[in-house]
Amino acid sequence: MPGIVGVVQILQIGSSGVFNVGDIYKVTPYSNAKTFSGAGSFNTGDYVAVNNPYSATNTYDADVIDEPIAFTL
């Protein structure tokens, strides 16, 4: 169903971001990433106190392909 869109201001779109206005059938990503993080890595807030006397992240990955992006049109 078509719609009328007013003023749009785009401040930033990331490298794998998608911006769409109007009707769309399918939005698929064309990039992927793998993130390794240790204990207390993604804590956010005003007063965060993290005590990790020993933190080790296992980054060994025996898979060659985890989840490929395939059959994108």
Protein backbone atom coordinates (compact mmCIF):
# COMPACT_ATOMS: atom_id res chain seq x y z
CA MET A 1 0.00 0.00 0.00
CA PRO A 2 1.66 3.24 -1.10
CA GLY A 3 2.15 5.99 1.42
CA ILE A 4 3.24 9.61 1.45
CA VAL A 5 6.46 10.29 3.33
CA GLY A 6 7.31 13.73 4.61
CA VAL A 7 10.75 15.10 5.42
CA VAL A 8 13.36 12.45 6.25
CA GLN A 9 16.73 13.22 7.83
CA ILE A 10 19.37 10.49 7.76
CA LEU A 11 22.29 11.14 10.09
CA GLN A 12 24.24 7.95 9.55
CA ILE A 13 23.87 4.49 8.03
CA GLY A 14 26.41 1.81 8.89
CA SER A 15 28.29 -0.30 6.38
CA SER A 16 25.71 -3.09 6.54
CA GLY A 17 22.67 -0.88 7.23
CA VAL A 18 19.56 -0.67 5.08
CA PHE A 19 17.39 2.39 4.51
CA ASN A 20 14.04 1.91 2.82
CA VAL A 21 11.07 4.17 2.17
CA GLY A 22 7.99 2.61 0.64
CA ASP A 23 6.88 -0.88 -0.24
CA ILE A 24 9.43 -3.65 -0.12
CA TYR A 25 9.38 -7.40 -0.56
CA LYS A 26 12.57 -8.54 1.16
CA VAL A 27 15.52 -6.92 2.95
CA THR A 28 18.58 -9.12 3.24
CA PRO A 29 22.01 -8.31 4.68
CA TYR A 30 25.06 -8.54 2.46
CA SER A 31 27.65 -8.71 5.22
CA ASN A 32 28.30 -10.68 8.38
CA ALA A 33 30.62 -10.44 11.36
CA LYS A 34 31.77 -12.52 14.29
CA THR A 35 32.42 -10.89 17.64
CA PHE A 36 34.49 -12.35 20.45
CA SER A 37 34.22 -10.74 23.85
CA GLY A 38 35.35 -11.56 27.36
CA ALA A 39 33.67 -11.15 30.71
CA GLY A 40 32.39 -7.63 31.32
CA SER A 41 32.88 -6.49 27.73
CA PHE A 42 29.47 -5.06 26.87
CA ASN A 43 28.52 -3.49 30.20
CA THR A 44 26.93 -0.06 29.90
CA GLY A 45 25.68 2.37 32.50
CA ASP A 46 26.67 5.25 34.71
CA TYR A 47 28.33 3.38 37.58
CA VAL A 48 29.54 -0.04 36.45
CA ALA A 49 31.97 -1.94 38.67
CA VAL A 50 33.27 -5.16 37.14
CA ASN A 51 35.69 -7.44 38.97
CA ASN A 52 37.17 -10.15 36.75
CA PRO A 53 40.39 -11.46 38.24
CA TYR A 54 40.71 -14.03 35.47
CA SER A 55 39.04 -13.64 32.10
CA ALA A 56 39.91 -15.63 29.00
CA THR A 57 37.99 -15.74 25.74
CA ASN A 58 38.27 -18.84 23.59
CA THR A 59 38.51 -17.66 19.99
CA TYR A 60 39.23 -21.07 18.47
CA ASP A 61 36.69 -21.86 15.77
CA ALA A 62 37.07 -25.16 13.95
CA ASP A 63 34.27 -24.41 11.47
CA VAL A 64 35.26 -23.12 8.08
CA ILE A 65 31.84 -21.57 7.43
CA ASP A 66 29.43 -20.70 10.24
CA GLU A 67 26.35 -19.37 8.44
CA PRO A 68 26.96 -18.20 4.89
CA ILE A 69 25.00 -15.54 3.12
CA ALA A 70 23.69 -17.42 0.11
CA PHE A 71 20.92 -17.13 -2.45
CA THR A 72 20.59 -13.36 -2.18
CA LEU A 73 18.76 -11.67 -4.99
